Protein backbone atom coordinates (compact mmCIF):
# COMPACT_ATOMS: atom_id res chain seq x y z
CA MET A 1 -27.46 44.63 86.71
CA SER A 2 -25.07 43.67 83.92
CA ILE A 3 -27.03 42.82 80.81
CA VAL A 4 -26.19 41.70 77.28
CA LYS A 5 -28.90 41.94 74.61
CA SER A 6 -29.17 39.07 72.15
CA SER A 7 -31.37 38.69 69.06
CA PRO A 8 -35.11 39.47 69.50
CA ASP A 9 -37.60 36.78 70.43
CA ALA A 10 -40.62 35.83 68.34
CA SER A 11 -42.45 38.94 69.57
CA GLY A 12 -39.59 41.25 68.60
CA ASN A 13 -38.42 41.85 72.16
CA PRO A 14 -34.65 41.69 72.73
CA VAL A 15 -33.47 38.82 74.89
CA LYS A 16 -31.59 40.07 77.95
CA LEU A 17 -28.78 37.91 79.30
CA PHE A 18 -27.65 38.61 82.85
CA PHE A 19 -23.96 38.21 83.62
CA GLN A 20 -21.44 38.89 86.35
CA GLU A 21 -17.70 39.28 86.06
CA TYR A 22 -14.80 39.26 88.49
CA GLY A 23 -11.10 40.01 88.10
CA THR A 24 -8.95 41.34 85.29
CA GLY A 25 -6.68 39.70 82.75
CA LYS A 26 -7.36 36.88 80.30
CA PRO A 27 -11.12 36.55 79.67
CA VAL A 28 -12.79 33.30 80.69
CA ILE A 29 -16.49 32.72 80.01
CA PHE A 30 -18.28 30.17 82.22
CA ILE A 31 -21.40 28.53 80.77
CA HIS A 32 -23.57 26.78 83.31
CA GLY A 33 -25.31 23.43 83.18
CA TRP A 34 -28.94 22.38 83.27
CA PRO A 35 -31.03 23.16 85.30
CA LEU A 36 -28.85 25.63 87.21
CA ASN A 37 -27.65 29.19 86.54
CA HIS A 38 -24.36 31.09 86.68
CA GLU A 39 -24.31 30.87 90.47
CA MET A 40 -23.26 27.20 90.23
CA TRP A 41 -19.72 28.50 89.49
CA GLU A 42 -19.36 30.13 92.93
CA TYR A 43 -16.29 28.14 93.97
CA GLN A 44 -14.55 28.85 90.65
CA LEU A 45 -15.50 32.54 90.59
CA MET A 46 -14.09 32.96 94.10
CA GLU A 47 -10.71 31.47 93.16
CA LEU A 48 -9.77 31.97 89.50
CA PRO A 49 -9.80 35.81 89.49
CA LYS A 50 -6.78 35.63 91.82
CA TYR A 51 -4.72 34.35 88.87
CA ASN A 52 -4.94 37.23 86.38
CA LEU A 53 -8.20 35.94 84.92
CA ARG A 54 -11.26 37.99 84.02
CA CYS A 55 -14.07 35.57 84.87
CA ILE A 56 -17.43 36.13 83.20
CA ALA A 57 -20.48 33.99 83.97
CA TYR A 58 -23.91 34.50 82.46
CA ASP A 59 -27.38 33.02 82.85
CA ARG A 60 -28.70 31.08 79.87
CA ARG A 61 -31.97 32.47 78.50
CA GLY A 62 -34.84 31.14 80.59
CA PHE A 63 -32.65 30.65 83.67
CA GLY A 64 -31.55 32.80 86.59
CA LYS A 65 -32.00 36.51 85.91
CA SER A 66 -32.04 36.32 82.10
CA SER A 67 -35.12 36.79 79.92
CA ARG A 68 -37.67 33.98 79.89
CA GLN A 69 -38.87 33.26 76.38
CA TRP A 70 -41.64 30.85 75.44
CA GLU A 71 -39.58 29.32 72.64
CA LYS A 72 -36.16 29.20 70.93
CA TYR A 73 -34.11 27.04 73.26
CA ASP A 74 -32.36 25.24 70.42
CA TYR A 75 -28.57 25.21 70.31
CA ASP A 76 -28.22 27.50 67.30
CA THR A 77 -30.03 30.17 69.30
CA LEU A 78 -28.06 29.43 72.48
CA ALA A 79 -24.80 29.67 70.53
CA GLU A 80 -25.99 33.02 69.17
CA ASP A 81 -26.49 34.17 72.77
CA LEU A 82 -22.91 33.18 73.59
CA LYS A 83 -21.75 35.16 70.56
CA ALA A 84 -23.72 38.16 71.84
CA VAL A 85 -21.79 38.00 75.12
CA ILE A 86 -18.44 37.82 73.32
CA ASP A 87 -19.32 40.56 70.83
CA THR A 88 -20.93 42.96 73.33
CA LEU A 89 -17.97 42.74 75.70
CA ASN A 90 -15.60 42.89 72.70
CA LEU A 91 -13.60 39.91 73.95
CA GLU A 92 -10.54 38.39 72.29
CA ASP A 93 -8.32 35.47 73.28
CA VAL A 94 -11.23 33.93 75.20
CA THR A 95 -11.24 30.65 77.10
CA LEU A 96 -14.68 29.03 77.04
CA VAL A 97 -15.55 26.80 80.00
CA GLY A 98 -18.76 24.79 79.61
CA PHE A 99 -20.33 22.42 82.08
CA SER A 100 -22.75 19.69 80.95
CA MET A 101 -25.31 21.40 78.70
CA GLY A 102 -22.90 24.33 78.49
CA GLY A 103 -20.43 22.17 76.62
CA GLY A 104 -22.98 21.99 73.83
CA GLU A 105 -23.07 25.77 73.54
CA ILE A 106 -19.30 25.79 73.06
CA ALA A 107 -19.38 23.09 70.40
CA ARG A 108 -22.21 24.70 68.45
CA TYR A 109 -20.67 28.18 68.78
CA ILE A 110 -17.43 26.92 67.23
CA GLY A 111 -19.34 24.90 64.65
CA ASN A 112 -21.23 28.03 63.57
CA TYR A 113 -18.74 30.85 64.15
CA GLY A 114 -15.26 29.34 64.34
CA THR A 115 -12.46 30.12 66.79
CA ASP A 116 -11.21 33.56 65.70
CA ARG A 117 -11.86 34.99 69.18
CA ILE A 118 -11.32 31.74 71.10
CA SER A 119 -7.94 30.65 72.44
CA LYS A 120 -8.86 27.63 74.59
CA VAL A 121 -11.81 25.39 75.43
CA VAL A 122 -12.71 23.44 78.57
CA LEU A 123 -15.49 20.84 78.52
CA ILE A 124 -16.55 19.68 82.00
CA SER A 125 -19.03 16.79 82.36
CA ALA A 126 -20.21 17.88 78.92
CA VAL A 127 -23.10 16.47 76.87
CA THR A 128 -20.93 16.39 73.75
CA PRO A 129 -20.69 14.77 71.29
CA TYR A 130 -24.20 13.16 71.18
CA MET A 131 -26.34 11.92 74.05
CA LEU A 132 -29.18 10.19 72.21
CA LYS A 133 -29.17 6.50 71.30
CA THR A 134 -29.61 6.11 67.54
CA GLU A 135 -28.61 3.60 64.89
CA ASP A 136 -25.29 5.35 64.37
CA ASN A 137 -24.87 6.10 68.10
CA PRO A 138 -25.82 2.79 69.76
CA GLU A 139 -24.03 3.57 73.04
CA GLY A 140 -26.23 6.61 73.63
CA VAL A 141 -29.04 7.06 76.15
CA ASP A 142 -32.48 5.74 75.18
CA LYS A 143 -35.00 8.44 74.30
CA LYS A 144 -37.50 7.03 76.80
CA ASN A 145 -35.23 8.20 79.63
CA PHE A 146 -35.51 11.78 78.47
CA ASP A 147 -39.24 11.40 77.84
CA GLU A 148 -39.62 10.29 81.46
CA MET A 149 -37.67 13.32 82.66
CA VAL A 150 -40.01 15.62 80.77
CA GLU A 151 -43.12 13.91 82.13
CA LYS A 152 -41.84 14.11 85.70
CA LEU A 153 -40.96 17.78 85.26
CA LYS A 154 -44.49 18.46 84.03
CA ALA A 155 -46.06 16.48 86.89
CA ASP A 156 -44.02 17.83 89.83
CA ARG A 157 -40.99 19.89 88.88
CA PRO A 158 -39.77 20.59 92.46
CA ALA A 159 -39.94 16.92 93.44
CA PHE A 160 -38.15 15.72 90.32
CA LEU A 161 -35.38 18.29 90.61
CA ALA A 162 -34.79 17.51 94.29
CA GLY A 163 -34.30 13.84 93.45
CA PHE A 164 -32.24 14.65 90.37
CA ALA A 165 -29.78 16.66 92.47
CA LYS A 166 -28.87 13.64 94.60
CA LYS A 167 -27.73 11.67 91.56
CA PHE A 168 -26.11 14.84 90.21
CA TYR A 169 -23.79 15.05 93.24
CA GLY A 170 -23.50 11.33 93.96
CA VAL A 171 -25.58 11.36 97.14
CA ASN A 172 -26.89 7.94 98.18
CA MET A 173 -27.39 5.72 101.23
CA ILE A 174 -23.63 5.38 101.73
CA THR A 175 -21.95 8.50 100.38
CA HIS A 176 -22.86 12.13 101.05
CA PRO A 177 -20.29 14.25 99.18
CA VAL A 178 -22.33 17.45 99.64
CA SER A 179 -24.34 18.84 102.54
CA GLN A 180 -28.10 19.19 102.70
CA GLU A 181 -27.54 22.93 102.53
CA ILE A 182 -25.76 22.52 99.16
CA LEU A 183 -28.72 20.49 97.94
CA ASP A 184 -31.08 23.23 99.14
CA TRP A 185 -29.00 25.87 97.36
CA ASN A 186 -29.03 23.74 94.22
CA GLN A 187 -32.82 23.45 94.42
CA ALA A 188 -33.20 27.20 94.78
CA GLN A 189 -31.20 27.71 91.58
CA CYS A 190 -33.22 25.09 89.73
CA LEU A 191 -36.55 26.60 90.69
CA ASN A 192 -35.35 30.10 89.77
CA SER A 193 -35.95 29.29 86.12
CA SER A 194 -38.73 29.05 83.60
CA ALA A 195 -40.50 25.70 83.65
CA LYS A 196 -40.82 25.94 79.87
CA ALA A 197 -37.09 26.55 79.45
CA THR A 198 -36.29 23.69 81.82
CA ILE A 199 -38.38 21.27 79.77
CA ASP A 200 -37.35 22.54 76.34
CA CYS A 201 -33.67 22.33 77.21
CA VAL A 202 -34.02 18.62 78.00
CA ARG A 203 -35.04 18.14 74.37
CA SER A 204 -32.16 20.32 73.21
CA PHE A 205 -29.29 18.71 75.10
CA SER A 206 -30.57 15.17 74.62
CA ALA A 207 -31.30 15.28 70.88
CA THR A 208 -28.65 17.64 69.46
CA ASP A 209 -25.83 15.97 67.55
CA PHE A 210 -22.55 17.84 68.17
CA ARG A 211 -20.23 15.36 66.48
CA GLU A 212 -19.48 17.58 63.50
CA ASP A 213 -19.19 20.66 65.70
CA VAL A 214 -16.66 18.96 67.98
CA THR A 215 -14.36 18.13 65.08
CA LYS A 216 -14.15 21.86 64.31
CA ILE A 217 -12.57 22.64 67.69
CA ASP A 218 -9.04 23.56 66.62
CA VAL A 219 -7.74 25.28 69.76
CA PRO A 220 -6.17 23.71 72.88
CA THR A 221 -8.91 21.79 74.68
CA LEU A 222 -9.24 20.30 78.14
CA ILE A 223 -11.87 17.61 78.72
CA ILE A 224 -12.78 16.75 82.32
CA HIS A 225 -15.27 14.05 83.28
CA GLY A 226 -16.03 12.02 86.39
CA ASP A 227 -15.97 8.26 85.90
CA GLU A 228 -18.94 7.89 88.28
CA ASP A 229 -21.10 10.40 86.42
CA LYS A 230 -24.62 8.92 86.37
CA THR A 231 -26.19 12.00 84.77
CA VAL A 232 -24.04 12.25 81.64
CA PRO A 233 -22.31 8.85 81.44
CA ILE A 234 -18.64 9.14 80.62
CA ALA A 235 -18.69 6.38 77.99
CA VAL A 236 -21.26 8.33 75.97
CA SER A 237 -19.69 11.74 76.44
CA GLY A 238 -16.16 12.34 77.73
CA ASP A 239 -14.65 9.24 76.15
CA LYS A 240 -16.24 9.92 72.78
CA THR A 241 -15.41 13.61 72.78
CA ALA A 242 -11.78 12.76 73.51
CA ALA A 243 -11.77 10.26 70.64
CA LEU A 244 -12.93 13.02 68.27
CA LEU A 245 -10.23 15.37 69.63
CA PRO A 246 -7.11 13.19 69.89
CA HIS A 247 -4.89 16.19 70.64
CA ALA A 248 -7.00 17.34 73.60
CA THR A 249 -6.01 16.87 77.20
CA TYR A 250 -8.43 14.43 78.83
CA LEU A 251 -8.71 14.14 82.61
CA ARG A 252 -10.93 11.44 84.06
CA TYR A 253 -11.67 12.15 87.73
CA ASP A 254 -11.78 8.93 89.73
CA ASN A 255 -15.04 8.33 91.61
CA ALA A 256 -16.36 11.78 90.71
CA PRO A 257 -20.07 12.40 90.02
CA HIS A 258 -21.59 14.85 87.55
CA GLY A 259 -21.47 17.90 89.83
CA LEU A 260 -17.71 17.84 90.25
CA PHE A 261 -17.53 21.64 90.19
CA ILE A 262 -18.44 21.29 93.87
CA THR A 263 -17.38 17.78 94.89
CA GLU A 264 -13.91 18.13 93.29
CA ARG A 265 -13.68 21.91 93.39
CA GLU A 266 -10.06 22.25 94.58
CA LYS A 267 -8.77 19.77 92.02
CA LEU A 268 -10.91 21.32 89.29
CA ASN A 269 -9.77 24.84 90.12
CA THR A 270 -6.12 23.80 89.99
CA ASP A 271 -6.55 22.08 86.63
CA LEU A 272 -8.42 25.07 85.20
CA ILE A 273 -5.79 27.56 86.37
CA ASN A 274 -2.92 25.45 85.05
CA PHE A 275 -4.58 24.91 81.68
CA ILE A 276 -5.79 28.46 81.10
CA ASN A 277 -2.51 30.05 82.20
CA GLY A 278 -0.43 27.57 80.23
CA GLN A 279 1.12 25.75 83.18
CA GLY A 280 0.47 22.30 81.76
CA SER A 281 3.08 20.28 83.66
CA SER A 282 0.50 18.80 86.03
CA ILE A 283 -1.96 17.88 83.28
CA ARG A 284 -1.61 14.55 81.50
CA THR A 285 -2.34 14.14 77.82
CA THR A 286 -5.10 11.93 76.47
CA GLN A 287 -2.53 9.32 75.46
CA GLU A 288 -1.00 9.23 78.95
CA GLN A 289 -4.46 8.89 80.46
CA GLU A 290 -5.27 5.97 78.16
CA GLN A 291 -2.08 4.17 79.18
CA SER A 292 -3.02 4.54 82.85
CA TYR A 293 -6.52 3.18 82.18
CA ARG A 294 -5.09 0.02 80.65
CA THR A 295 -3.18 -0.66 83.87
CA LEU A 296 -6.30 -0.63 86.03
């Protein structure tokens, strides 16, 4: 097993972060979403190493094969874990790719530690810049929605997560963009995690304000979000993150749900390869995207 040790937990025991890596070349760190683990990146990890990319994917504490702590699932701690991965592997010129909750790790890492070792950033279906509805974030999601998630997780975690996955991938009475077997695989990943971590991370990704962190991202950035994302609504997340980073490249995927790493995997892989390797001719800028939106 490949293990990185992060700072000790409350009992003084070092936190062990499991990771896998494939390929050689430019380092790319993949940070998974909630409530999955690094295995969610299977379709990216099978393709990107073919393009001179060293792909590294790790399990967040409490998930997959990493240590399962009782506490410390706040974003400062999670960003410290990401730093432990970068420092232990002695990485430079790193591209960070974060999906959903993982986008928060990237923002907080840069907010706390800067971009000395970071060359590029990709935010996919990310929870940035701020999910929660507040007086100064009126378009956010009402806290009661997250409270209900927590209560359902406590009452019947397997049942809630099975239902959650259908919205995650856009499965409904009419459309079935993924197979039942994909849903089963997703459920297996979800249940291979600490219940405590699963619940605590809801509080973390829903209530953490990344607006100041996002403004500190000063490296080339690619933002990707599906316009049919019902899990992390694009108006609250992708659109607002792009507004805070006017020089970023912003790709809105038409009719794509939250879990576009599977439903749009070929398109996503192409965009990632082009962006990371500097072949940007096929990627439109934020301004070009906005012009196309106005014509709809």
